[in-house]
N, C-alpha and C. Protein backbone atom coordinates (compact mmCIF):
# COMPACT_ATOMS: atom_id res chain seq x y z
N MET A 1 -94.10 10.96 -18.52
CA MET A 1 -94.08 11.13 -16.81
C MET A 1 -94.85 11.39 -16.34
N ILE A 2 -95.79 11.76 -17.07
CA ILE A 2 -97.64 12.57 -16.73
C ILE A 2 -98.58 11.19 -16.27
N ASP A 3 -97.91 10.05 -17.29
CA ASP A 3 -98.76 8.93 -17.31
C ASP A 3 -98.33 8.01 -15.88
N GLU A 4 -96.85 8.08 -15.31
CA GLU A 4 -96.18 8.17 -14.76
C GLU A 4 -97.03 8.29 -13.31
N THR A 5 -97.30 9.27 -12.82
CA THR A 5 -97.56 10.12 -11.80
C THR A 5 -98.86 10.05 -11.62
N LYS A 6 -99.99 9.93 -12.59
CA LYS A 6 -100.56 9.12 -12.81
C LYS A 6 -101.47 7.99 -12.16
N SER A 7 -100.43 6.74 -12.45
CA SER A 7 -100.51 5.73 -12.03
C SER A 7 -99.72 5.49 -10.81
N SER A 8 -98.86 6.05 -10.28
CA SER A 8 -99.12 6.66 -8.75
C SER A 8 -100.14 6.65 -8.09
N SER A 9 -100.38 7.57 -8.30
CA SER A 9 -101.67 8.40 -7.93
C SER A 9 -102.75 7.45 -7.54
N MET A 10 -102.83 7.05 -8.77
CA MET A 10 -104.02 5.67 -8.24
C MET A 10 -103.86 4.42 -7.42
N SER A 11 -102.86 4.24 -7.61
CA SER A 11 -102.06 2.74 -7.09
C SER A 11 -102.33 3.40 -5.87
N ASN A 12 -101.63 4.53 -4.80
CA ASN A 12 -101.73 5.29 -3.48
C ASN A 12 -103.28 4.88 -2.96
N ARG A 13 -104.39 5.41 -3.85
CA ARG A 13 -106.33 5.73 -3.09
C ARG A 13 -106.10 4.65 -3.29
N GLU A 14 -106.40 3.74 -4.41
CA GLU A 14 -106.12 1.70 -4.66
C GLU A 14 -106.11 1.56 -2.87
N THR A 15 -104.21 1.22 -2.72
CA THR A 15 -103.95 1.16 -1.67
C THR A 15 -104.86 1.15 -0.13
N LYS A 16 -105.21 2.44 -0.39
CA LYS A 16 -105.91 3.31 1.27
C LYS A 16 -107.11 2.26 1.41
N ARG A 17 -107.83 2.13 0.43
CA ARG A 17 -109.80 1.92 -0.21
C ARG A 17 -108.58 0.65 0.09
N SER A 18 -107.69 -0.12 0.39
CA SER A 18 -107.63 -1.86 0.54
C SER A 18 -107.30 -1.64 1.73
N ASP A 19 -106.80 -0.68 2.81
CA ASP A 19 -106.01 -1.30 3.90
C ASP A 19 -106.92 -0.61 4.88
N ALA A 20 -108.41 1.14 4.39
CA ALA A 20 -109.76 1.12 4.81
C ALA A 20 -110.69 -0.89 5.01
N LEU A 21 -110.38 -1.21 3.42
CA LEU A 21 -111.75 -2.67 3.32
C LEU A 21 -110.93 -3.35 4.69
N SER A 22 -109.77 -3.66 4.34
CA SER A 22 -108.99 -4.92 5.68
C SER A 22 -109.44 -4.49 6.60
N THR A 23 -108.74 -3.04 7.85
CA THR A 23 -109.61 -3.30 8.92
C THR A 23 -111.47 -2.96 8.63
N ARG A 24 -112.41 -2.82 7.96
CA ARG A 24 -113.62 -2.50 7.92
C ARG A 24 -114.08 -4.96 8.15
N VAL A 25 -113.34 -5.38 6.87
CA VAL A 25 -113.49 -6.79 7.23
C VAL A 25 -113.50 -7.19 8.78
N THR A 26 -112.30 -6.87 9.15
CA THR A 26 -111.62 -6.80 10.46
C THR A 26 -112.78 -6.48 11.69
N GLU A 27 -113.15 -5.65 11.81
CA GLU A 27 -113.75 -5.03 12.60
C GLU A 27 -115.17 -5.82 12.56
N ILE A 28 -115.91 -6.28 11.67
CA ILE A 28 -116.73 -6.99 11.59
C ILE A 28 -116.58 -8.19 11.41
N LYS A 29 -115.71 -9.40 11.32
CA LYS A 29 -115.67 -10.60 11.90
C LYS A 29 -115.30 -10.18 13.68
N ALA A 30 -115.53 -8.98 13.48
CA ALA A 30 -114.35 -9.11 15.40
C ALA A 30 -115.64 -9.43 15.93
N ARG A 31 -116.31 -7.84 15.83
CA ARG A 31 -118.08 -8.29 15.90
C ARG A 31 -118.68 -9.16 16.21
N MET A 32 -118.91 -10.14 15.21
CA MET A 32 -119.21 -11.77 14.24
C MET A 32 -119.15 -12.52 15.61
N GLN A 33 -118.12 -12.13 15.67
CA GLN A 33 -117.88 -13.37 16.54
C GLN A 33 -117.98 -13.64 17.90
N GLN A 34 -118.09 -12.60 18.56
CA GLN A 34 -118.90 -11.68 20.04
C GLN A 34 -119.89 -11.92 19.80
N ALA A 35 -120.80 -12.21 17.99
CA ALA A 35 -122.37 -12.30 19.51
C ALA A 35 -122.31 -13.98 18.94
N GLN A 36 -123.65 -13.37 20.72
CA GLN A 36 -124.03 -15.31 21.22
C GLN A 36 -125.30 -14.93 20.57
N ILE A 37 -125.20 -15.07 19.38
CA ILE A 37 -127.06 -15.69 18.40
C ILE A 37 -127.71 -17.07 19.30
N THR A 38 -128.71 -17.44 18.99
CA THR A 38 -129.55 -18.30 19.29
C THR A 38 -130.86 -18.81 18.67
N GLU A 39 -130.53 -20.13 18.33
CA GLU A 39 -130.80 -20.70 17.86
C GLU A 39 -132.09 -20.20 17.16
N ASP A 40 -133.18 -20.04 18.05
CA ASP A 40 -134.27 -19.34 18.33
C ASP A 40 -133.88 -17.77 16.87
N GLU A 41 -133.24 -16.95 17.80
CA GLU A 41 -133.15 -15.77 16.51
C GLU A 41 -132.95 -16.68 14.81
N MET A 42 -131.71 -16.91 14.95
CA MET A 42 -130.98 -18.39 14.17
C MET A 42 -132.61 -18.82 13.60
N LYS A 43 -133.94 -18.77 12.82
CA LYS A 43 -135.18 -19.39 13.01
C LYS A 43 -135.44 -18.19 12.42
N THR A 44 -135.67 -17.56 13.30
CA THR A 44 -136.17 -16.36 13.19
C THR A 44 -135.26 -15.64 11.50
N PHE A 45 -133.85 -15.39 11.27
CA PHE A 45 -133.21 -14.42 10.36
C PHE A 45 -133.16 -15.11 9.04
N GLN A 46 -133.44 -16.57 9.32
CA GLN A 46 -133.89 -17.96 8.00
C GLN A 46 -135.89 -17.79 7.57
N LYS A 47 -136.26 -16.87 7.97
CA LYS A 47 -137.71 -16.76 7.86
C LYS A 47 -137.36 -15.56 7.07
N VAL A 48 -137.03 -14.34 7.96
CA VAL A 48 -136.62 -12.89 7.10
C VAL A 48 -135.78 -13.25 5.53
N ALA A 49 -135.00 -14.19 5.83
CA ALA A 49 -133.67 -14.64 4.52
C ALA A 49 -134.88 -14.96 3.30
N ALA A 50 -135.55 -15.86 4.21
CA ALA A 50 -136.58 -16.49 3.08
C ALA A 50 -137.55 -15.42 2.26
N ILE A 51 -138.11 -14.49 3.03
CA ILE A 51 -139.51 -12.95 2.91
C ILE A 51 -138.11 -12.53 1.77
N MET A 52 -137.37 -11.94 1.87
CA MET A 52 -136.72 -11.00 1.78
C MET A 52 -136.26 -11.06 0.23
N GLU A 53 -135.58 -13.11 -0.34
CA GLU A 53 -135.29 -13.34 -1.35
C GLU A 53 -136.13 -13.07 -2.01
N GLY A 54 -137.05 -13.66 -2.27
CA GLY A 54 -138.54 -14.23 -3.05
C GLY A 54 -138.35 -15.72 -2.91
N GLY A 55 -137.70 -16.00 -1.68
CA GLY A 55 -138.12 -18.35 -0.52
C GLY A 55 -136.73 -18.16 -1.09
N GLU A 56 -135.64 -17.55 -1.91
CA GLU A 56 -134.17 -18.45 -1.64
C GLU A 56 -134.22 -18.28 -0.73
N GLY A 57 -134.25 -17.66 0.16
CA GLY A 57 -133.41 -17.32 1.88
C GLY A 57 -132.18 -17.09 2.00
N ARG A 58 -131.83 -15.76 0.65
CA ARG A 58 -130.78 -14.90 1.19
C ARG A 58 -130.77 -13.80 0.83
N ILE A 59 -130.06 -12.96 1.61
CA ILE A 59 -129.43 -11.71 1.50
C ILE A 59 -129.06 -11.01 1.34
N GLU A 60 -128.88 -10.40 0.52
CA GLU A 60 -127.35 -10.06 -0.44
C GLU A 60 -126.30 -9.27 1.63
N VAL A 61 -125.32 -9.12 0.65
CA VAL A 61 -124.51 -8.00 1.47
C VAL A 61 -124.59 -7.22 2.39
N ASP A 62 -124.71 -6.48 1.34
CA ASP A 62 -125.32 -4.63 1.71
C ASP A 62 -126.76 -5.00 3.06
N ASP A 63 -127.05 -5.20 2.37
CA ASP A 63 -128.12 -5.97 3.09
C ASP A 63 -127.84 -5.78 4.57
N LEU A 64 -127.30 -6.98 4.76
CA LEU A 64 -127.35 -8.02 6.17
C LEU A 64 -125.96 -6.91 6.78
N ILE A 65 -125.17 -5.72 6.08
CA ILE A 65 -124.43 -4.95 6.59
C ILE A 65 -125.72 -3.39 7.38
N ALA A 66 -126.14 -3.36 6.38
CA ALA A 66 -126.93 -2.31 6.64
C ALA A 66 -127.94 -2.91 7.90
N ALA A 67 -128.81 -4.18 7.94
CA ALA A 67 -129.37 -4.84 9.04
C ALA A 67 -128.97 -4.42 10.30
N SER A 68 -127.38 -4.39 10.06
CA SER A 68 -126.00 -5.03 11.42
C SER A 68 -126.63 -3.36 12.36
N PHE A 69 -126.20 -2.43 11.52
CA PHE A 69 -125.53 -1.36 11.53
C PHE A 69 -127.05 -0.72 12.06
N LEU A 70 -128.66 -0.78 11.42
CA LEU A 70 -129.63 -0.29 12.39
C LEU A 70 -130.13 -0.83 13.47
N THR A 71 -129.78 -2.58 13.81
CA THR A 71 -129.91 -3.52 14.98
C THR A 71 -128.62 -2.54 16.07
N ASP A 72 -127.49 -2.03 15.51
CA ASP A 72 -126.90 -1.35 16.75
C ASP A 72 -127.08 -0.51 16.79
N THR A 73 -128.06 0.76 16.11
CA THR A 73 -128.52 1.58 16.81
C THR A 73 -129.56 1.55 17.63
N LEU A 74 -130.13 0.59 17.28
CA LEU A 74 -132.09 0.09 18.59
C LEU A 74 -131.46 0.08 19.89
N LEU A 75 -130.20 -0.94 19.50
CA LEU A 75 -130.15 -1.31 20.78
C LEU A 75 -128.96 -0.10 21.70
N ASN A 76 -128.30 0.40 21.55
CA ASN A 76 -127.66 1.80 21.93
C ASN A 76 -128.36 3.26 22.51
N SER A 77 -129.51 2.86 21.47
CA SER A 77 -130.79 4.07 22.03
C SER A 77 -131.02 4.21 23.17
N PRO A 78 -131.16 4.91 23.78
CA PRO A 78 -132.59 4.78 24.54
C PRO A 78 -133.04 5.17 25.05
N LYS A 79 -133.97 4.32 25.73
CA LYS A 79 -135.20 3.57 26.01
C LYS A 79 -136.48 5.42 26.27
N ARG A 80 -137.18 4.73 26.12
CA ARG A 80 -138.58 5.84 25.80
C ARG A 80 -139.52 5.62 26.45
């Protein structure tokens, strides 16, 4: 009986995490769809990506998400 309780508890936590992750992914997709990226910005991004990943032209997903939050912070901060 104890094992069933633990299993149920773990399942509930996993479901909550899954729901939270799904919500977050939906929010990120919406932000990406609203983004207006110019060709010059894309070229700059590709150059930075190439440097960051040793010339392979890749950025890890975590780094990309962190960069998006940093950009949001900089764009939304008051001008000095």
